[in-house]
């Protein structure tokens, strides 16, 4: 096990009456590849947003460990983090390189440094020849690879991936997994959220099973199978999550502003429909 990088200490996160995560304590070390496995609504994305400082815990702390041993709140060291959300959020009017360069400039990285690192990683993902193309016409796989390059251009210690191979073809998914392994060899830490147990077993040294907002297991795939007396990771997962999955709440999917905006649009749409119905009756 490498030196400590990130600590989650007694963290709970609630959205009103919805308790997305409850009493989660975890340690992540440098060089780890960790899989977060769970169903929709389990709390995986909420945990990733806490780990990158986008959310603040309702209870508890998330701290980053510097190489000198000092501890810092994770939201104060975001320059050490790279994040690839499930929705890539690329600017379609920009080229792949312009998207990457914009992000690296925000992180205070010189263009020459970002370019050299981008080219090296683009070769690993086999997209070096499209860096100067607009992302508007990119396939999902190309967008995902570009988002990965954007997240890595500032040379972060920690990479957070939310369903990085969802919807990708076999070849693109293999390229992404290969890049993850390469990052581990460089001493990077990768935390990898996925629904796919076979992929988690293939890529991750350690798997954390999250179900209904709680951590049900944390260990290597072999440990999980031994502890549940099962012969496969799928059987181990089922044994650990026998209680029914909770329903996904809008409070977890959308932020406060988004929920208010959706409610406003819904009222507006309903009022317009009522006006149309009244006009139709008059005719």
Protein backbone atom coordinates (compact mmCIF):
# COMPACT_ATOMS: atom_id res chain seq x y z
CA UNK A 1 0.00 0.00 0.00
CA UNK A 2 1.28 3.47 -0.92
CA UNK A 3 1.32 6.67 1.10
CA UNK A 4 -2.09 8.05 2.14
CA UNK A 5 -3.74 10.43 -0.33
CA UNK A 6 -7.36 10.94 0.71
CA UNK A 7 -9.38 10.25 3.87
CA UNK A 8 -13.14 10.13 4.27
CA UNK A 9 -13.96 10.37 7.96
CA UNK A 10 -17.44 9.61 9.24
CA UNK A 11 -19.11 11.32 6.29
CA UNK A 12 -22.87 11.58 5.86
CA UNK A 13 -24.59 13.59 3.12
CA UNK A 14 -28.27 14.50 3.15
CA UNK A 15 -30.50 16.41 0.74
CA UNK A 16 -33.43 17.46 2.87
CA UNK A 17 -35.08 14.22 3.99
CA UNK A 18 -32.98 12.10 1.62
CA UNK A 19 -29.90 10.53 3.25
CA UNK A 20 -27.66 9.89 0.25
CA UNK A 21 -24.68 8.63 2.30
CA UNK A 22 -24.51 7.55 5.92
CA UNK A 23 -21.40 7.25 8.12
CA UNK A 24 -18.86 6.51 5.39
CA UNK A 25 -15.21 6.17 6.41
CA UNK A 26 -12.61 5.27 3.77
CA UNK A 27 -8.89 5.65 3.13
CA UNK A 28 -7.31 5.97 -0.33
CA UNK A 29 -3.59 5.56 -0.98
CA UNK A 30 -1.32 6.71 -3.79
CA UNK A 31 -1.27 4.22 -6.64
CA UNK A 32 -4.64 2.65 -5.81
CA UNK A 33 -7.19 1.75 -8.47
CA UNK A 34 -10.46 1.60 -6.59
CA UNK A 35 -13.84 0.60 -8.00
CA UNK A 36 -17.06 2.06 -6.58
CA UNK A 37 -19.76 -0.47 -7.38
CA UNK A 38 -23.47 -0.06 -6.77
CA UNK A 39 -26.88 0.28 -8.38
CA UNK A 40 -28.51 3.55 -9.46
CA UNK A 41 -29.19 5.63 -6.37
CA UNK A 42 -26.66 3.75 -4.24
CA UNK A 43 -24.64 6.90 -3.53
CA UNK A 44 -21.65 6.44 -5.88
CA UNK A 45 -21.95 9.78 -7.65
CA UNK A 46 -22.64 11.60 -4.38
CA UNK A 47 -19.42 10.11 -2.97
CA UNK A 48 -17.43 11.17 -6.05
CA UNK A 49 -18.77 14.73 -5.73
CA UNK A 50 -17.71 14.76 -2.08
CA UNK A 51 -14.25 13.47 -2.99
CA UNK A 52 -13.68 16.31 -5.47
CA UNK A 53 -15.07 19.01 -3.17
CA UNK A 54 -18.16 19.75 -5.27
CA UNK A 55 -20.34 18.77 -2.30
CA UNK A 56 -19.57 19.41 1.34
CA UNK A 57 -20.46 16.71 3.87
CA UNK A 58 -23.47 17.20 6.11
CA UNK A 59 -21.41 15.43 8.78
CA UNK A 60 -17.73 14.44 8.75
CA UNK A 61 -14.66 15.46 6.74
CA UNK A 62 -12.91 14.69 3.47
CA UNK A 63 -9.19 15.55 3.63
CA UNK A 64 -6.30 15.42 1.17
CA UNK A 65 -2.86 14.33 2.39
CA UNK A 66 0.05 16.29 0.90
CA UNK A 67 3.40 14.61 0.30
CA UNK A 68 4.83 16.48 3.31
CA UNK A 69 2.24 14.85 5.58
CA UNK A 70 0.02 17.92 6.02
CA UNK A 71 -3.77 17.63 5.68
CA UNK A 72 -6.04 19.96 3.73
CA UNK A 73 -9.76 20.15 3.04
CA UNK A 74 -10.29 18.57 -0.37
CA UNK A 75 -12.04 21.65 -1.81
CA UNK A 76 -8.84 23.67 -1.24
CA UNK A 77 -6.63 21.37 -3.33
CA UNK A 78 -8.74 20.88 -6.45
CA UNK A 79 -5.66 21.50 -8.62
CA UNK A 80 -4.55 18.01 -7.53
CA UNK A 81 -7.74 16.39 -8.78
CA UNK A 82 -8.94 15.34 -12.23
CA UNK A 83 -12.63 14.58 -12.75
CA UNK A 84 -14.46 12.91 -15.64
CA UNK A 85 -18.24 13.11 -15.05
CA UNK A 86 -20.66 10.82 -16.85
CA UNK A 87 -21.71 13.81 -18.95
CA UNK A 88 -18.49 15.10 -20.49
CA UNK A 89 -19.49 18.78 -20.68
CA UNK A 90 -17.32 19.62 -23.70
CA UNK A 91 -17.72 22.92 -25.54
CA UNK A 92 -18.81 21.77 -29.00
CA UNK A 93 -17.65 24.92 -30.78
CA UNK A 94 -14.10 24.26 -29.62
CA UNK A 95 -11.66 21.67 -30.85
CA UNK A 96 -10.54 18.86 -28.56
CA UNK A 97 -7.25 20.66 -27.85
CA UNK A 98 -9.02 24.00 -27.22
CA UNK A 99 -11.25 22.29 -24.63
CA UNK A 100 -8.19 20.79 -22.96
CA UNK A 101 -6.17 24.01 -23.14
CA UNK A 102 -9.00 26.08 -21.62
CA UNK A 103 -9.19 23.74 -18.63
CA UNK A 104 -5.42 23.57 -18.16
CA UNK A 105 -5.15 27.38 -18.22
CA UNK A 106 -7.75 27.55 -15.45
CA UNK A 107 -5.43 25.27 -13.49
CA UNK A 108 -2.44 27.55 -14.12
CA UNK A 109 -0.63 25.15 -16.47
CA UNK A 110 1.45 26.55 -19.34
CA UNK A 111 0.21 25.65 -22.83
CA UNK A 112 3.47 23.89 -23.72
CA UNK A 113 3.27 21.64 -20.65
CA UNK A 114 -0.39 20.83 -21.27
CA UNK A 115 0.28 20.11 -24.95
CA UNK A 116 3.20 17.76 -24.30
CA UNK A 117 1.21 15.79 -21.73
CA UNK A 118 -1.90 15.76 -23.92
CA UNK A 119 -0.05 14.39 -26.95
CA UNK A 120 1.53 11.59 -24.91
CA UNK A 121 -1.81 10.52 -23.45
CA UNK A 122 -3.63 11.01 -26.77
CA UNK A 123 -1.29 8.46 -28.33
CA UNK A 124 -2.24 5.97 -25.62
CA UNK A 125 -5.92 6.56 -26.44
CA UNK A 126 -5.29 6.60 -30.22
CA UNK A 127 -6.83 10.06 -30.78
CA UNK A 128 -3.74 12.16 -31.50
CA UNK A 129 -4.94 12.90 -35.05
CA UNK A 130 -8.25 14.52 -33.95
CA UNK A 131 -6.96 16.98 -31.35
CA UNK A 132 -7.52 19.91 -33.72
CA UNK A 133 -11.00 18.84 -34.81
CA UNK A 134 -14.20 20.40 -33.46
CA UNK A 135 -15.83 18.16 -30.86
CA UNK A 136 -19.31 18.82 -32.28
CA UNK A 137 -19.27 15.71 -34.46
CA UNK A 138 -17.43 13.44 -32.04
CA UNK A 139 -18.79 10.01 -31.14
CA UNK A 140 -19.45 9.24 -27.49
CA UNK A 141 -16.16 7.37 -27.30
CA UNK A 142 -14.23 10.33 -28.72
CA UNK A 143 -15.94 12.74 -26.31
CA UNK A 144 -15.11 10.47 -23.38
CA UNK A 145 -11.46 10.22 -24.40
CA UNK A 146 -11.25 14.00 -24.81
CA UNK A 147 -12.74 14.46 -21.34
CA UNK A 148 -10.09 12.10 -19.96
CA UNK A 149 -7.31 14.14 -21.58
CA UNK A 150 -8.86 17.35 -20.22
CA UNK A 151 -8.92 15.89 -16.70
CA UNK A 152 -5.26 14.81 -16.93
CA UNK A 153 -3.67 17.82 -18.66
CA UNK A 154 -2.74 19.49 -15.34
CA UNK A 155 -1.05 16.30 -14.04
CA UNK A 156 -3.32 15.53 -11.04
CA UNK A 157 -2.56 13.09 -8.23
CA UNK A 158 -6.09 11.71 -8.23
CA UNK A 159 -8.46 10.91 -11.08
CA UNK A 160 -12.19 10.44 -10.41
CA UNK A 161 -14.12 8.61 -13.14
CA UNK A 162 -17.92 8.37 -13.17
CA UNK A 163 -19.00 5.49 -15.43
CA UNK A 164 -16.06 6.11 -17.82
CA UNK A 165 -16.90 3.29 -20.26
CA UNK A 166 -20.71 3.60 -20.26
CA UNK A 167 -21.95 3.42 -23.84
CA UNK A 168 -18.49 2.90 -25.33
CA UNK A 169 -17.65 0.25 -27.90
CA UNK A 170 -15.32 -2.59 -26.95
CA UNK A 171 -12.20 -1.01 -28.48
CA UNK A 172 -12.74 2.40 -26.83
CA UNK A 173 -13.45 0.77 -23.46
CA UNK A 174 -10.21 -1.23 -23.72
CA UNK A 175 -8.27 1.97 -24.47
CA UNK A 176 -9.73 3.66 -21.38
CA UNK A 177 -8.89 0.67 -19.17
CA UNK A 178 -5.37 0.62 -20.60
CA UNK A 179 -4.92 4.29 -19.73
CA UNK A 180 -6.09 3.64 -16.17
CA UNK A 181 -3.43 0.96 -15.76
CA UNK A 182 -0.78 3.28 -17.20
CA UNK A 183 -1.72 5.96 -14.67
CA UNK A 184 -1.33 3.45 -11.85
CA UNK A 185 2.17 2.65 -13.06
CA UNK A 186 2.94 6.39 -12.80
CA UNK A 187 1.78 6.35 -9.17
CA UNK A 188 -1.58 8.03 -9.78
CA UNK A 189 -4.70 7.10 -7.84
CA UNK A 190 -7.85 6.31 -9.80
CA UNK A 191 -11.32 6.01 -8.26
CA UNK A 192 -13.59 4.38 -10.77
CA UNK A 193 -17.40 4.31 -10.48
CA UNK A 194 -19.08 1.59 -12.54
CA UNK A 195 -22.13 -0.64 -12.80
CA UNK A 196 -20.10 -3.37 -14.49
CA UNK A 197 -18.77 -5.94 -12.05
CA UNK A 198 -16.68 -7.74 -14.66
CA UNK A 199 -14.96 -4.49 -15.58
CA UNK A 200 -14.36 -3.60 -11.93
CA UNK A 201 -12.81 -7.03 -11.35
CA UNK A 202 -10.64 -6.64 -14.42
CA UNK A 203 -9.35 -3.13 -13.70
CA UNK A 204 -9.50 -2.49 -9.95
CA UNK A 205 -7.26 -3.78 -7.17
CA UNK A 206 -9.88 -2.86 -4.59
CA UNK A 207 -13.67 -2.72 -4.77
CA UNK A 208 -16.03 -0.75 -2.54
CA UNK A 209 -19.64 -1.91 -2.66
CA UNK A 210 -22.11 0.89 -1.90
CA UNK A 211 -25.79 0.15 -1.40
CA UNK A 212 -28.55 2.45 -0.17
CA UNK A 213 -26.04 5.03 1.02
CA UNK A 214 -23.85 2.70 3.08
CA UNK A 215 -20.57 0.87 2.42
CA UNK A 216 -21.32 -2.87 2.42
CA UNK A 217 -17.83 -4.15 1.61
CA UNK A 218 -14.30 -2.88 0.93
CA UNK A 219 -11.53 -5.15 -0.30
CA UNK A 220 -10.01 -6.98 -3.24
CA UNK A 221 -12.34 -9.00 -5.49
CA UNK A 222 -10.94 -12.17 -3.92
CA UNK A 223 -11.58 -10.84 -0.40
CA UNK A 224 -15.20 -10.04 -1.25
CA UNK A 225 -15.77 -13.56 -2.57
CA UNK A 226 -14.07 -15.19 0.44
CA UNK A 227 -16.03 -13.09 2.94
CA UNK A 228 -19.35 -13.98 1.32
CA UNK A 229 -18.44 -17.61 0.56
CA UNK A 230 -19.22 -17.15 -3.14
CA UNK A 231 -17.50 -18.16 -6.37
CA UNK A 232 -17.87 -14.94 -8.37
CA UNK A 233 -17.90 -11.20 -7.79
CA UNK A 234 -21.48 -11.06 -9.06
CA UNK A 235 -22.61 -13.59 -6.45
CA UNK A 236 -20.70 -11.68 -3.76
CA UNK A 237 -22.39 -8.43 -4.77
CA UNK A 238 -25.84 -10.03 -4.62
CA UNK A 239 -25.10 -11.48 -1.18
CA UNK A 240 -24.04 -8.04 0.08
CA UNK A 241 -27.07 -6.18 -1.29
CA UNK A 242 -30.04 -8.41 -0.52
CA UNK A 243 -32.26 -5.54 0.68
CA UNK A 244 -34.21 -3.72 -2.03
CA UNK A 245 -32.58 -0.71 -3.68
CA UNK A 246 -34.10 2.63 -2.77
CA UNK A 247 -35.69 4.85 -5.39
CA UNK A 248 -33.50 7.56 -6.90
CA UNK A 249 -34.50 11.00 -5.61
CA UNK A 250 -34.41 14.18 -7.70
CA UNK A 251 -32.58 15.74 -4.75
CA UNK A 252 -29.56 13.54 -5.59
CA UNK A 253 -29.80 13.84 -9.38
CA UNK A 254 -30.36 17.61 -9.52
CA UNK A 255 -29.05 20.53 -7.52
CA UNK A 256 -31.25 23.11 -5.76
CA UNK A 257 -31.26 25.53 -8.72
CA UNK A 258 -32.04 22.77 -11.22
CA UNK A 259 -34.96 21.49 -9.14
CA UNK A 260 -36.43 24.99 -8.84
CA UNK A 261 -35.99 25.61 -12.57
CA UNK A 262 -37.63 22.29 -13.48
CA UNK A 263 -40.55 23.06 -11.15
CA UNK A 264 -40.96 26.52 -12.73
CA UNK A 265 -40.90 25.10 -16.27
CA UNK A 266 -43.37 22.39 -15.29
CA UNK A 267 -45.85 25.00 -13.99
CA UNK A 268 -45.35 27.11 -17.12
CA UNK A 269 -45.91 24.11 -19.40
CA UNK A 270 -49.04 23.07 -17.52
CA UNK A 271 -50.47 26.61 -17.74
CA UNK A 272 -49.81 26.80 -21.48
CA UNK A 273 -51.44 23.41 -22.01
CA UNK A 274 -54.51 24.61 -20.08
CA UNK A 275 -54.74 27.70 -22.33
CA UNK A 276 -54.53 25.52 -25.44
CA UNK A 277 -57.24 23.21 -24.10
CA UNK A 278 -59.52 26.20 -23.39
CA UNK A 279 -59.04 27.57 -26.92
CA UNK A 280 -59.78 24.16 -28.40
CA UNK A 281 -63.03 23.91 -26.41
CA UNK A 282 -64.11 27.41 -27.59
CA UNK A 283 -63.63 26.41 -31.21
